[in-house]
Amino acid sequence: MWLIRFQNIQPNDYVKIKQLCKKAGFCPKKFTATILVKSIITHILLKKSWRKVSAQFWIPYLPIYQFYQKIKDKSELVDMLNMFCETKVISYIKNEKNITKTFLESEELILESLTQIKNTRIN
């Protein structure tokens, strides 16, 4: 099970997301890169449909889908996922009954999340 905590995104993460999108060759004009990245992370990790993601983030699904199609084969998407793991925005929790703050802050959770990202099918 993936735990997504978007409240852990720091101001410098926004800059890094924008730089990675620019490096991937995609510069969104109408919506911020961060909201598009949040939406595709929700789609990839939580397996939500484009329309459900669209309703959750209050933006049309077509820009999200187009952004995903342009970035899905690029290494920058994996870099973003790794960055979010290291900053504890996304975490993979396998069958834990008691989730404590020390468990969420542990290094082993980060390592488990990084290995799970390698196993996650992005396409």
PDB file of N, CA and C in Angstrom:
ATOM      1  N   MET A   1       0.847  -1.167   0.000  1.00  0.00           N
ATOM      2  CA  MET A   1       0.000   0.000   0.000  1.00  0.00           C
ATOM      3  C   MET A   1       0.900   1.239   0.000  1.00  0.00           C
ATOM      4  N   TRP A   2       0.561   2.175  -0.843  1.00  0.00           N
ATOM      5  CA  TRP A   2       1.308   3.424  -0.915  1.00  0.00           C
ATOM      6  C   TRP A   2       0.645   4.477  -0.035  1.00  0.00           C
ATOM      7  N   LEU A   3       1.457   5.183   0.699  1.00  0.00           N
ATOM      8  CA  LEU A   3       1.011   6.296   1.520  1.00  0.00           C
ATOM      9  C   LEU A   3       1.543   7.569   0.862  1.00  0.00           C
ATOM     10  N   ILE A   4       0.644   8.448   0.474  1.00  0.00           N
ATOM     11  CA  ILE A   4       1.037   9.692  -0.198  1.00  0.00           C
ATOM     12  C   ILE A   4       0.721  10.843   0.739  1.00  0.00           C
ATOM     13  N   ARG A   5       1.757  11.606   1.081  1.00  0.00           N
ATOM     14  CA  ARG A   5       1.602  12.759   1.978  1.00  0.00           C
ATOM     15  C   ARG A   5       2.098  14.014   1.260  1.00  0.00           C
ATOM     16  N   PHE A   6       1.207  14.614   0.476  1.00  0.00           N
ATOM     17  CA  PHE A   6       1.583  15.798  -0.295  1.00  0.00           C
ATOM     18  C   PHE A   6       1.916  16.987   0.610  1.00  0.00           C
ATOM     19  N   GLN A   7       1.482  16.958   1.851  1.00  0.00           N
ATOM     20  CA  GLN A   7       1.792  18.059   2.766  1.00  0.00           C
ATOM     21  C   GLN A   7       3.285  18.112   3.108  1.00  0.00           C
ATOM     22  N   ASN A   8       4.036  17.066   2.804  1.00  0.00           N
ATOM     23  CA  ASN A   8       5.476  17.050   3.080  1.00  0.00           C
ATOM     24  C   ASN A   8       6.310  17.689   1.974  1.00  0.00           C
ATOM     25  N   ILE A   9       5.678  18.149   0.915  1.00  0.00           N
ATOM     26  CA  ILE A   9       6.429  18.807  -0.158  1.00  0.00           C
ATOM     27  C   ILE A   9       6.940  20.145   0.346  1.00  0.00           C
ATOM     28  N   GLN A  10       8.234  20.351   0.191  1.00  0.00           N
ATOM     29  CA  GLN A  10       8.886  21.579   0.639  1.00  0.00           C
ATOM     30  C   GLN A  10       9.002  22.568  -0.530  1.00  0.00           C
ATOM     31  N   PRO A  11       9.215  23.859  -0.253  1.00  0.00           N
ATOM     32  CA  PRO A  11       9.328  24.849  -1.334  1.00  0.00           C
ATOM     33  C   PRO A  11      10.431  24.540  -2.355  1.00  0.00           C
ATOM     34  N   ASN A  12      11.546  24.000  -1.897  1.00  0.00           N
ATOM     35  CA  ASN A  12      12.615  23.695  -2.858  1.00  0.00           C
ATOM     36  C   ASN A  12      12.244  22.508  -3.757  1.00  0.00           C
ATOM     37  N   ASP A  13      11.294  21.667  -3.325  1.00  0.00           N
ATOM     38  CA  ASP A  13      10.821  20.565  -4.160  1.00  0.00           C
ATOM     39  C   ASP A  13      10.066  21.089  -5.378  1.00  0.00           C
ATOM     40  N   TYR A  14       9.339  22.193  -5.223  1.00  0.00           N
ATOM     41  CA  TYR A  14       8.611  22.780  -6.342  1.00  0.00           C
ATOM     42  C   TYR A  14       9.581  23.207  -7.446  1.00  0.00           C
ATOM     43  N   VAL A  15      10.675  23.796  -7.032  1.00  0.00           N
ATOM     44  CA  VAL A  15      11.688  24.235  -7.996  1.00  0.00           C
ATOM     45  C   VAL A  15      12.303  23.025  -8.700  1.00  0.00           C
ATOM     46  N   LYS A  16      12.596  21.991  -7.938  1.00  0.00           N
ATOM     47  CA  LYS A  16      13.193  20.792  -8.519  1.00  0.00           C
ATOM     48  C   LYS A  16      12.236  20.107  -9.491  1.00  0.00           C
ATOM     49  N   ILE A  17      10.950  20.066  -9.167  1.00  0.00           N
ATOM     50  CA  ILE A  17       9.955  19.486 -10.068  1.00  0.00           C
ATOM     51  C   ILE A  17       9.917  20.266 -11.375  1.00  0.00           C
ATOM     52  N   LYS A  18       9.915  21.580 -11.268  1.00  0.00           N
ATOM     53  CA  LYS A  18       9.879  22.419 -12.472  1.00  0.00           C
ATOM     54  C   LYS A  18      11.128  22.199 -13.322  1.00  0.00           C
ATOM     55  N   GLN A  19      12.285  22.075 -12.686  1.00  0.00           N
ATOM     56  CA  GLN A  19      13.523  21.826 -13.424  1.00  0.00           C
ATOM     57  C   GLN A  19      13.509  20.465 -14.111  1.00  0.00           C
ATOM     58  N   LEU A  20      12.994  19.435 -13.424  1.00  0.00           N
ATOM     59  CA  LEU A  20      12.930  18.105 -14.029  1.00  0.00           C
ATOM     60  C   LEU A  20      11.953  18.074 -15.202  1.00  0.00           C
ATOM     61  N   CYS A  21      10.852  18.805 -15.094  1.00  0.00           N
ATOM     62  CA  CYS A  21       9.909  18.875 -16.217  1.00  0.00           C
ATOM     63  C   CYS A  21      10.529  19.597 -17.404  1.00  0.00           C
ATOM     64  N   LYS A  22      11.255  20.656 -17.118  1.00  0.00           N
ATOM     65  CA  LYS A  22      11.924  21.388 -18.191  1.00  0.00           C
ATOM     66  C   LYS A  22      12.992  20.515 -18.842  1.00  0.00           C
ATOM     67  N   LYS A  23      13.714  19.748 -18.042  1.00  0.00           N
ATOM     68  CA  LYS A  23      14.737  18.833 -18.559  1.00  0.00           C
ATOM     69  C   LYS A  23      14.117  17.737 -19.422  1.00  0.00           C
ATOM     70  N   ALA A  24      12.895  17.315 -19.066  1.00  0.00           N
ATOM     71  CA  ALA A  24      12.184  16.298 -19.841  1.00  0.00           C
ATOM     72  C   ALA A  24      11.597  16.873 -21.128  1.00  0.00           C
ATOM     73  N   GLY A  25      11.627  18.191 -21.264  1.00  0.00           N
ATOM     74  CA  GLY A  25      11.120  18.823 -22.477  1.00  0.00           C
ATOM     75  C   GLY A  25       9.652  19.180 -22.412  1.00  0.00           C
ATOM     76  N   PHE A  26       9.121  19.328 -21.218  1.00  0.00           N
ATOM     77  CA  PHE A  26       7.712  19.667 -21.063  1.00  0.00           C
ATOM     78  C   PHE A  26       7.586  20.840 -20.114  1.00  0.00           C
ATOM     79  N   CYS A  27       7.069  21.947 -20.616  1.00  0.00           N
ATOM     80  CA  CYS A  27       6.854  23.135 -19.790  1.00  0.00           C
ATOM     81  C   CYS A  27       5.369  23.471 -19.802  1.00  0.00           C
ATOM     82  N   PRO A  28       4.639  23.054 -18.782  1.00  0.00           N
ATOM     83  CA  PRO A  28       3.197  23.331 -18.767  1.00  0.00           C
ATOM     84  C   PRO A  28       2.928  24.821 -18.666  1.00  0.00           C
ATOM     85  N   LYS A  29       1.893  25.282 -19.393  1.00  0.00           N
ATOM     86  CA  LYS A  29       1.582  26.698 -19.407  1.00  0.00           C
ATOM     87  C   LYS A  29       0.331  27.023 -18.611  1.00  0.00           C
ATOM     88  N   LYS A  30      -0.672  26.169 -18.706  1.00  0.00           N
ATOM     89  CA  LYS A  30      -1.943  26.468 -18.075  1.00  0.00           C
ATOM     90  C   LYS A  30      -1.995  26.029 -16.616  1.00  0.00           C
ATOM     91  N   PHE A  31      -1.348  24.906 -16.298  1.00  0.00           N
ATOM     92  CA  PHE A  31      -1.342  24.359 -14.945  1.00  0.00           C
ATOM     93  C   PHE A  31       0.102  24.253 -14.470  1.00  0.00           C
ATOM     94  N   THR A  32       0.301  24.302 -13.172  1.00  0.00           N
ATOM     95  CA  THR A  32       1.662  24.192 -12.655  1.00  0.00           C
ATOM     96  C   THR A  32       2.163  22.760 -12.820  1.00  0.00           C
ATOM     97  N   ALA A  33       3.470  22.633 -12.913  1.00  0.00           N
ATOM     98  CA  ALA A  33       4.081  21.308 -13.057  1.00  0.00           C
ATOM     99  C   ALA A  33       3.811  20.460 -11.824  1.00  0.00           C
ATOM    100  N   THR A  34       3.761  21.096 -10.671  1.00  0.00           N
ATOM    101  CA  THR A  34       3.564  20.354  -9.422  1.00  0.00           C
ATOM    102  C   THR A  34       2.197  19.672  -9.382  1.00  0.00           C
ATOM    103  N   ILE A  35       1.156  20.349  -9.799  1.00  0.00           N
ATOM    104  CA  ILE A  35      -0.175  19.737  -9.761  1.00  0.00           C
ATOM    105  C   ILE A  35      -0.267  18.595 -10.761  1.00  0.00           C
ATOM    106  N   LEU A  36       0.406  18.731 -11.894  1.00  0.00           N
ATOM    107  CA  LEU A  36       0.412  17.638 -12.872  1.00  0.00           C
ATOM    108  C   LEU A  36       1.206  16.446 -12.353  1.00  0.00           C
ATOM    109  N   VAL A  37       2.317  16.703 -11.684  1.00  0.00           N
ATOM    110  CA  VAL A  37       3.116  15.612 -11.110  1.00  0.00           C
ATOM    111  C   VAL A  37       2.338  14.918  -9.995  1.00  0.00           C
ATOM    112  N   LYS A  38       1.673  15.688  -9.160  1.00  0.00           N
ATOM    113  CA  LYS A  38       0.846  15.091  -8.095  1.00  0.00           C
ATOM    114  C   LYS A  38      -0.220  14.180  -8.698  1.00  0.00           C
ATOM    115  N   SER A  39      -0.827  14.621  -9.779  1.00  0.00           N
ATOM    116  CA  SER A  39      -1.899  13.834 -10.376  1.00  0.00           C
ATOM    117  C   SER A  39      -1.383  12.550 -11.018  1.00  0.00           C
ATOM    118  N   ILE A  40      -0.230  12.593 -11.686  1.00  0.00           N
ATOM    119  CA  ILE A  40       0.260  11.345 -12.283  1.00  0.00           C
ATOM    120  C   ILE A  40       0.818  10.397 -11.222  1.00  0.00           C
ATOM    121  N   ILE A  41       1.322  10.931 -10.130  1.00  0.00           N
ATOM    122  CA  ILE A  41       1.751  10.064  -9.029  1.00  0.00           C
ATOM    123  C   ILE A  41       0.535   9.350  -8.434  1.00  0.00           C
ATOM    124  N   THR A  42      -0.560  10.070  -8.289  1.00  0.00           N
ATOM    125  CA  THR A  42      -1.783   9.448  -7.800  1.00  0.00           C
ATOM    126  C   THR A  42      -2.265   8.373  -8.765  1.00  0.00           C
ATOM    127  N   HIS A  43      -2.156   8.650 -10.053  1.00  0.00           N
ATOM    128  CA  HIS A  43      -2.569   7.661 -11.055  1.00  0.00           C
ATOM    129  C   HIS A  43      -1.679   6.422 -11.021  1.00  0.00           C
ATOM    130  N   ILE A  44      -0.373   6.621 -10.954  1.00  0.00           N
ATOM    131  CA  ILE A  44       0.571   5.502 -11.005  1.00  0.00           C
ATOM    132  C   ILE A  44       0.512   4.658  -9.740  1.00  0.00           C
ATOM    133  N   LEU A  45       0.588   5.294  -8.590  1.00  0.00           N
ATOM    134  CA  LEU A  45       0.716   4.546  -7.343  1.00  0.00           C
ATOM    135  C   LEU A  45      -0.614   4.045  -6.789  1.00  0.00           C
ATOM    136  N   LEU A  46      -1.656   4.835  -6.894  1.00  0.00           N
ATOM    137  CA  LEU A  46      -2.943   4.424  -6.338  1.00  0.00           C
ATOM    138  C   LEU A  46      -3.849   3.776  -7.375  1.00  0.00           C
ATOM    139  N   LYS A  47      -3.376   3.715  -8.621  1.00  0.00           N
ATOM    140  CA  LYS A  47      -4.110   3.060  -9.716  1.00  0.00           C
ATOM    141  C   LYS A  47      -5.498   3.667  -9.926  1.00  0.00           C
ATOM    142  N   LYS A  48      -5.585   4.983  -9.833  1.00  0.00           N
ATOM    143  CA  LYS A  48      -6.849   5.667 -10.073  1.00  0.00           C
ATOM    144  C   LYS A  48      -6.963   6.014 -11.548  1.00  0.00           C
ATOM    145  N   SER A  49      -8.174   6.065 -12.051  1.00  0.00           N
ATOM    146  CA  SER A  49      -8.398   6.412 -13.451  1.00  0.00           C
ATOM    147  C   SER A  49      -8.118   7.902 -13.667  1.00  0.00           C
ATOM    148  N   TRP A  50      -7.974   8.266 -14.946  1.00  0.00           N
ATOM    149  CA  TRP A  50      -7.696   9.673 -15.262  1.00  0.00           C
ATOM    150  C   TRP A  50      -8.849  10.565 -14.821  1.00  0.00           C
ATOM    151  N   ARG A  51     -10.053  10.095 -14.970  1.00  0.00           N
ATOM    152  CA  ARG A  51     -11.211  10.913 -14.597  1.00  0.00           C
ATOM    153  C   ARG A  51     -11.310  11.087 -13.078  1.00  0.00           C
ATOM    154  N   LYS A  52     -10.981  10.058 -12.313  1.00  0.00           N
ATOM    155  CA  LYS A  52     -11.005  10.188 -10.853  1.00  0.00           C
ATOM    156  C   LYS A  52      -9.905  11.128 -10.377  1.00  0.00           C
ATOM    157  N   VAL A  53      -8.740  11.021 -10.998  1.00  0.00           N
ATOM    158  CA  VAL A  53      -7.637  11.929 -10.653  1.00  0.00           C
ATOM    159  C   VAL A  53      -8.028  13.359 -11.007  1.00  0.00           C
ATOM    160  N   SER A  54      -8.662  13.511 -12.157  1.00  0.00           N
ATOM    161  CA  SER A  54      -9.110  14.829 -12.593  1.00  0.00           C
ATOM    162  C   SER A  54     -10.094  15.439 -11.600  1.00  0.00           C
ATOM    163  N   ALA A  55     -11.020  14.637 -11.131  1.00  0.00           N
ATOM    164  CA  ALA A  55     -11.996  15.135 -10.156  1.00  0.00           C
ATOM    165  C   ALA A  55     -11.338  15.453  -8.819  1.00  0.00           C
ATOM    166  N   GLN A  56     -10.328  14.695  -8.446  1.00  0.00           N
ATOM    167  CA  GLN A  56      -9.653  14.921  -7.169  1.00  0.00           C
ATOM    168  C   GLN A  56      -8.872  16.234  -7.166  1.00  0.00           C
ATOM    169  N   PHE A  57      -8.224  16.553  -8.291  1.00  0.00           N
ATOM    170  CA  PHE A  57      -7.381  17.750  -8.350  1.00  0.00           C
ATOM    171  C   PHE A  57      -8.052  18.939  -9.045  1.00  0.00           C
ATOM    172  N   TRP A  58      -9.289  18.775  -9.480  1.00  0.00           N
ATOM    173  CA  TRP A  58     -10.079  19.853 -10.075  1.00  0.00           C
ATOM    174  C   TRP A  58      -9.452  20.437 -11.332  1.00  0.00           C
ATOM    175  N   ILE A  59      -8.881  19.588 -12.160  1.00  0.00           N
ATOM    176  CA  ILE A  59      -8.378  20.026 -13.464  1.00  0.00           C
ATOM    177  C   ILE A  59      -8.848  19.026 -14.513  1.00  0.00           C
ATOM    178  N   PRO A  60      -8.956  19.425 -15.766  1.00  0.00           N
ATOM    179  CA  PRO A  60      -9.382  18.489 -16.809  1.00  0.00           C
ATOM    180  C   PRO A  60      -8.401  17.327 -16.948  1.00  0.00           C
ATOM    181  N   TYR A  61      -8.920  16.173 -17.327  1.00  0.00           N
ATOM    182  CA  TYR A  61      -8.052  14.995 -17.395  1.00  0.00           C
ATOM    183  C   TYR A  61      -7.134  15.011 -18.607  1.00  0.00           C
ATOM    184  N   LEU A  62      -7.480  15.732 -19.661  1.00  0.00           N
ATOM    185  CA  LEU A  62      -6.662  15.726 -20.872  1.00  0.00           C
ATOM    186  C   LEU A  62      -5.253  16.290 -20.649  1.00  0.00           C
ATOM    187  N   PRO A  63      -5.070  17.424 -19.954  1.00  0.00           N
ATOM    188  CA  PRO A  63      -3.701  17.884 -19.700  1.00  0.00           C
ATOM    189  C   PRO A  63      -2.884  16.912 -18.852  1.00  0.00           C
ATOM    190  N   ILE A  64      -3.544  16.251 -17.905  1.00  0.00           N
ATOM    191  CA  ILE A  64      -2.843  15.269 -17.073  1.00  0.00           C
ATOM    192  C   ILE A  64      -2.369  14.112 -17.937  1.00  0.00           C
ATOM    193  N   TYR A  65      -3.272  13.612 -18.776  1.00  0.00           N
ATOM    194  CA  TYR A  65      -2.952  12.489 -19.643  1.00  0.00           C
ATOM    195  C   TYR A  65      -1.859  12.850 -20.641  1.00  0.00           C
ATOM    196  N   GLN A  66      -1.919  14.045 -21.219  1.00  0.00           N
ATOM    197  CA  GLN A  66      -0.892  14.476 -22.173  1.00  0.00           C
ATOM    198  C   GLN A  66       0.464  14.612 -21.488  1.00  0.00           C
ATOM    199  N   PHE A  67       0.464  15.151 -20.284  1.00  0.00           N
ATOM    200  CA  PHE A  67       1.716  15.265 -19.528  1.00  0.00           C
ATOM    201  C   PHE A  67       2.286  13.875 -19.248  1.00  0.00           C
ATOM    202  N   TYR A  68       1.434  12.965 -18.850  1.00  0.00           N
ATOM    203  CA  TYR A  68       1.868  11.593 -18.562  1.00  0.00           C
ATOM    204  C   TYR A  68       2.443  10.925 -19.819  1.00  0.00           C
ATOM    205  N   GLN A  69       1.795  11.114 -20.952  1.00  0.00           N
ATOM    206  CA  GLN A  69       2.277  10.500 -22.186  1.00  0.00           C
ATOM    207  C   GLN A  69       3.646  11.041 -22.595  1.00  0.00           C
ATOM    208  N   LYS A  70       3.909  12.306 -22.295  1.00  0.00           N
ATOM    209  CA  LYS A  70       5.197  12.894 -22.666  1.00  0.00           C
ATOM    210  C   LYS A  70       6.321  12.507 -21.707  1.00  0.00           C
ATOM    211  N   ILE A  71       5.984  12.209 -20.454  1.00  0.00           N
ATOM    212  CA  ILE A  71       7.034  11.996 -19.457  1.00  0.00           C
ATOM    213  C   ILE A  71       7.190  10.533 -19.039  1.00  0.00           C
ATOM    214  N   LYS A  72       6.279   9.660 -19.425  1.00  0.00           N
ATOM    215  CA  LYS A  72       6.296   8.288 -18.909  1.00  0.00           C
ATOM    216  C   LYS A  72       7.528   7.485 -19.301  1.00  0.00           C
ATOM    217  N   ASP A  73       8.116   7.763 -20.436  1.00  0.00           N
ATOM    218  CA  ASP A  73       9.284   7.008 -20.877  1.00  0.00           C
ATOM    219  C   ASP A  73      10.610   7.682 -20.518  1.00  0.00           C
ATOM    220  N   LYS A  74      10.547   8.784 -19.842  1.00  0.00           N
ATOM    221  CA  LYS A  74      11.759   9.540 -19.526  1.00  0.00           C
ATOM    222  C   LYS A  74      12.257   9.207 -18.122  1.00  0.00           C
ATOM    223  N   SER A  75      13.548   9.355 -17.948  1.00  0.00           N
ATOM    224  CA  SER A  75      14.148   9.056 -16.643  1.00  0.00           C
ATOM    225  C   SER A  75      13.778  10.096 -15.588  1.00  0.00           C
ATOM    226  N   GLU A  76      13.302  11.255 -16.017  1.00  0.00           N
ATOM    227  CA  GLU A  76      12.941  12.306 -15.072  1.00  0.00           C
ATOM    228  C   GLU A  76      11.762  11.896 -14.195  1.00  0.00           C
ATOM    229  N   LEU A  77      10.864  11.056 -14.721  1.00  0.00           N
ATOM    230  CA  LEU A  77       9.743  10.588 -13.908  1.00  0.00           C
ATOM    231  C   LEU A  77      10.243   9.722 -12.765  1.00  0.00           C
ATOM    232  N   VAL A  78      11.174   8.846 -13.039  1.00  0.00           N
ATOM    233  CA  VAL A  78      11.760   8.013 -11.981  1.00  0.00           C
ATOM    234  C   VAL A  78      12.527   8.891 -11.000  1.00  0.00           C
ATOM    235  N   ASP A  79      13.203   9.925 -11.502  1.00  0.00           N
ATOM    236  CA  ASP A  79      13.914  10.856 -10.616  1.00  0.00           C
ATOM    237  C   ASP A  79      12.943  11.568  -9.676  1.00  0.00           C
ATOM    238  N   MET A  80      11.774  11.957 -10.198  1.00  0.00           N
ATOM    239  CA  MET A  80      10.768  12.607  -9.355  1.00  0.00           C
ATOM    240  C   MET A  80      10.251  11.645  -8.291  1.00  0.00           C
ATOM    241  N   LEU A  81       9.970  10.414  -8.682  1.00  0.00           N
ATOM    242  CA  LEU A  81       9.491   9.430  -7.716  1.00  0.00           C
ATOM    243  C   LEU A  81      10.537   9.166  -6.641  1.00  0.00           C
ATOM    244  N   ASN A  82      11.803   9.057  -7.041  1.00  0.00           N
ATOM    245  CA  ASN A  82      12.882   8.863  -6.066  1.00  0.00           C
ATOM    246  C   ASN A  82      13.009  10.065  -5.136  1.00  0.00           C
ATOM    247  N   MET A  83      12.869  11.264  -5.698  1.00  0.00           N
ATOM    248  CA  MET A  83      12.953  12.477  -4.876  1.00  0.00           C
ATOM    249  C   MET A  83      11.822  12.492  -3.842  1.00  0.00           C
ATOM    250  N   PHE A  84      10.617  12.113  -4.270  1.00  0.00           N
ATOM    251  CA  PHE A  84       9.496  12.091  -3.343  1.00  0.00           C
ATOM    252  C   PHE A  84       9.663  11.015  -2.274  1.00  0.00           C
ATOM    253  N   CYS A  85      10.314   9.916  -2.622  1.00  0.00           N
ATOM    254  CA  CYS A  85      10.594   8.883  -1.603  1.00  0.00           C
ATOM    255  C   CYS A  85      11.578   9.403  -0.573  1.00  0.00           C
ATOM    256  N   GLU A  86      12.623  10.050  -1.039  1.00  0.00           N
ATOM    257  CA  GLU A  86      13.659  10.538  -0.131  1.00  0.00           C
ATOM    258  C   GLU A  86      13.158  11.656   0.766  1.00  0.00           C
ATOM    259  N   THR A  87      12.203  12.436   0.290  1.00  0.00           N
ATOM    260  CA  THR A  87      11.653  13.507   1.124  1.00  0.00           C
ATOM    261  C   THR A  87      10.415  13.051   1.895  1.00  0.00           C
ATOM    262  N   LYS A  88      10.112  11.758   1.831  1.00  0.00           N
ATOM    263  CA  LYS A  88       9.017  11.122   2.579  1.00  0.00           C
ATOM    264  C   LYS A  88       7.638  11.619   2.177  1.00  0.00           C
ATOM    265  N   VAL A  89       7.494  12.010   0.918  1.00  0.00           N
ATOM    266  CA  VAL A  89       6.183  12.388   0.404  1.00  0.00           C
ATOM    267  C   VAL A  89       5.402  11.132   0.044  1.00  0.00           C
ATOM    268  N   ILE A  90       6.086  10.162  -0.575  1.00  0.00           N
ATOM    269  CA  ILE A  90       5.455   8.875  -0.853  1.00  0.00           C
ATOM    270  C   ILE A  90       6.225   7.791  -0.116  1.00  0.00           C
ATOM    271  N   SER A  91       5.487   6.843   0.427  1.00  0.00           N
ATOM    272  CA  SER A  91       6.101   5.748   1.179  1.00  0.00           C
ATOM    273  C   SER A  91       5.327   4.471   0.901  1.00  0.00           C
ATOM    274  N   TYR A  92       6.066   3.385   0.789  1.00  0.00           N
ATOM    275  CA  TYR A  92       5.430   2.085   0.591  1.00  0.00           C
ATOM    276  C   TYR A  92       5.357   1.376   1.933  1.00  0.00           C
ATOM    277  N   ILE A  93       4.143   1.026   2.323  1.00  0.00           N
ATOM    278  CA  ILE A  93       3.933   0.350   3.596  1.00  0.00           C
ATOM    279  C   ILE A  93       3.319  -1.005   3.292  1.00  0.00           C
ATOM    280  N   LYS A  94       4.008  -2.047   3.688  1.00  0.00           N
ATOM    281  CA  LYS A  94       3.488  -3.381   3.412  1.00  0.00           C
ATOM    282  C   LYS A  94       2.920  -3.984   4.691  1.00  0.00           C
ATOM    283  N   ASN A  95       1.648  -4.190   4.704  1.00  0.00           N
ATOM    284  CA  ASN A  95       0.946  -4.913   5.770  1.00  0.00           C
ATOM    285  C   ASN A  95       1.348  -4.509   7.187  1.00  0.00           C
ATOM    286  N   GLU A  96       1.444  -3.241   7.438  1.00  0.00           N
ATOM    287  CA  GLU A  96       1.746  -2.759   8.790  1.00  0.00           C
ATOM    288  C   GLU A  96       0.443  -2.528   9.534  1.00  0.00           C
ATOM    289  N   LYS A  97       0.347  -3.066  10.717  1.00  0.00           N
ATOM    290  CA  LYS A  97      -0.859  -2.868  11.516  1.00  0.00           C
ATOM    291  C   LYS A  97      -0.774  -1.593  12.342  1.00  0.00           C
ATOM    292  N   ASN A  98       0.412  -1.333  12.881  1.00  0.00           N
ATOM    293  CA  ASN A  98       0.610  -0.137  13.699  1.00  0.00           C
ATOM    294  C   ASN A  98       1.616   0.763  12.999  1.00  0.00           C
ATOM    295  N   ILE A  99       1.141   1.916  12.603  1.00  0.00           N
ATOM    296  CA  ILE A  99       2.006   2.879  11.936  1.00  0.00           C
ATOM    297  C   ILE A  99       2.280   4.001  12.926  1.00  0.00           C
ATOM    298  N   THR A 100       3.550   4.153  13.280  1.00  0.00           N
ATOM    299  CA  THR A 100       3.930   5.196  14.223  1.00  0.00           C
ATOM    300  C   THR A 100       4.753   6.258  13.503  1.00  0.00           C
ATOM    301  N   LYS A 101       4.957   7.357  14.174  1.00  0.00           N
ATOM    302  CA  LYS A 101       5.748   8.438  13.595  1.00  0.00           C
ATOM    303  C   LYS A 101       7.199   8.002  13.395  1.00  0.00           C
ATOM    304  N   THR A 102       7.744   7.236  14.314  1.00  0.00           N
ATOM    305  CA  THR A 102       9.128   6.765  14.157  1.00  0.00           C
ATOM    306  C   THR A 102       9.241   5.811  12.976  1.00  0.00           C
ATOM    307  N   PHE A 103       8.211   5.008  12.744  1.00  0.00           N
ATOM    308  CA  PHE A 103       8.222   4.117  11.587  1.00  0.00           C
ATOM    309  C   PHE A 103       8.185   4.918  10.293  1.00  0.00           C
ATOM    310  N   LEU A 104       7.368   5.978  10.246  1.00  0.00           N
ATOM    311  CA  LEU A 104       7.272   6.802   9.042  1.00  0.00           C
ATOM    312  C   LEU A 104       8.551   7.581   8.770  1.00  0.00           C
ATOM    313  N   GLU A 105       9.324   7.851   9.804  1.00  0.00           N
ATOM    314  CA  GLU A 105      10.568   8.602   9.647  1.00  0.00           C
ATOM    315  C   GLU A 105      11.791   7.694   9.495  1.00  0.00           C
ATOM    316  N   SER A 106      11.596   6.398   9.506  1.00  0.00           N
ATOM    317  CA  SER A 106      12.729   5.469   9.486  1.00  0.00           C
ATOM    318  C   SER A 106      13.386   5.389   8.110  1.00  0.00           C
ATOM    319  N   GLU A 107      14.659   5.059   8.127  1.00  0.00           N
ATOM    320  CA  GLU A 107      15.447   4.919   6.900  1.00  0.00           C
ATOM    321  C   GLU A 107      15.046   3.661   6.133  1.00  0.00           C
ATOM    322  N   GLU A 108      14.654   2.628   6.850  1.00  0.00           N
ATOM    323  CA  GLU A 108      14.280   1.381   6.177  1.00  0.00           C
ATOM    324  C   GLU A 108      13.013   1.548   5.346  1.00  0.00           C
ATOM    325  N   LEU A 109      12.120   2.436   5.762  1.00  0.00           N
ATOM    326  CA  LEU A 109      10.923   2.709   4.981  1.00  0.00           C
ATOM    327  C   LEU A 109      11.285   3.378   3.657  1.00  0.00           C
ATOM    328  N   ILE A 110      12.256   4.269   3.696  1.00  0.00           N
ATOM    329  CA  ILE A 110      12.719   4.930   2.469  1.00  0.00           C
ATOM    330  C   ILE A 110      13.337   3.905   1.526  1.00  0.00           C
ATOM    331  N   LEU A 111      14.184   3.039   2.059  1.00  0.00           N
ATOM    332  CA  LEU A 111      14.821   2.025   1.219  1.00  0.00           C
ATOM    333  C   LEU A 111      13.796   1.064   0.632  1.00  0.00           C
ATOM    334  N   GLU A 112      12.824   0.663   1.417  1.00  0.00           N
ATOM    335  CA  GLU A 112      11.761  -0.223   0.918  1.00  0.00           C
ATOM    336  C   GLU A 112      10.949   0.468  -0.171  1.00  0.00           C
ATOM    337  N   SER A 113      10.684   1.757   0.008  1.00  0.00           N
ATOM    338  CA  SER A 113       9.928   2.513  -0.988  1.00  0.00           C
ATOM    339  C   SER A 113      10.709   2.645  -2.291  1.00  0.00           C
ATOM    340  N   LEU A 114      12.011   2.897  -2.185  1.00  0.00           N
ATOM    341  CA  LEU A 114      12.837   3.016  -3.386  1.00  0.00           C
ATOM    342  C   LEU A 114      12.896   1.703  -4.157  1.00  0.00           C
ATOM    343  N   THR A 115      13.006   0.585  -3.454  1.00  0.00           N
ATOM    344  CA  THR A 115      13.029  -0.704  -4.149  1.00  0.00           C
ATOM    345  C   THR A 115      11.657  -1.017  -4.758  1.00  0.00           C
ATOM    346  N   GLN A 116      10.605  -0.589  -4.107  1.00  0.00           N
ATOM    347  CA  GLN A 116       9.260  -0.825  -4.649  1.00  0.00           C
ATOM    348  C   GLN A 116       9.019   0.008  -5.901  1.00  0.00           C
ATOM    349  N   ILE A 117       9.591   1.204  -5.965  1.00  0.00           N
ATOM    350  CA  ILE A 117       9.461   2.030  -7.165  1.00  0.00           C
ATOM    351  C   ILE A 117      10.114   1.349  -8.355  1.00  0.00           C
ATOM    352  N   LYS A 118      11.253   0.701  -8.117  1.00  0.00           N
ATOM    353  CA  LYS A 118      11.922  -0.022  -9.209  1.00  0.00           C
ATOM    354  C   LYS A 118      11.025  -1.154  -9.734  1.00  0.00           C
ATOM    355  N   ASN A 119      10.221  -1.737  -8.848  1.00  0.00           N
ATOM    356  CA  ASN A 119       9.351  -2.844  -9.230  1.00  0.00           C
ATOM    357  C   ASN A 119       8.010  -2.372  -9.788  1.00  0.00           C
ATOM    358  N   THR A 120       7.668  -1.109  -9.590  1.00  0.00           N
ATOM    359  CA  THR A 120       6.398  -0.582 -10.045  1.00  0.00           C
ATOM    360  C   THR A 120       6.419  -0.367 -11.553  1.00  0.00           C
ATOM    361  N   ARG A 121       5.370  -0.817 -12.192  1.00  0.00           N
ATOM    362  CA  ARG A 121       5.257  -0.642 -13.638  1.00  0.00           C
ATOM    363  C   ARG A 121       4.678   0.734 -13.903  1.00  0.00           C
ATOM    364  N   ILE A 122       5.454   1.580 -14.550  1.00  0.00           N
ATOM    365  CA  ILE A 122       5.018   2.962 -14.797  1.00  0.00           C
ATOM    366  C   ILE A 122       4.128   3.046 -16.020  1.00  0.00           C
ATOM    367  N   ASN A 123       4.394   2.288 -17.036  1.00  0.00           N
ATOM    368  CA  ASN A 123       3.607   2.369 -18.284  1.00  0.00           C
ATOM    369  C   ASN A 123       2.271   1.715 -18.145  1.00  0.00           C
TER     370      ASN A 123
END
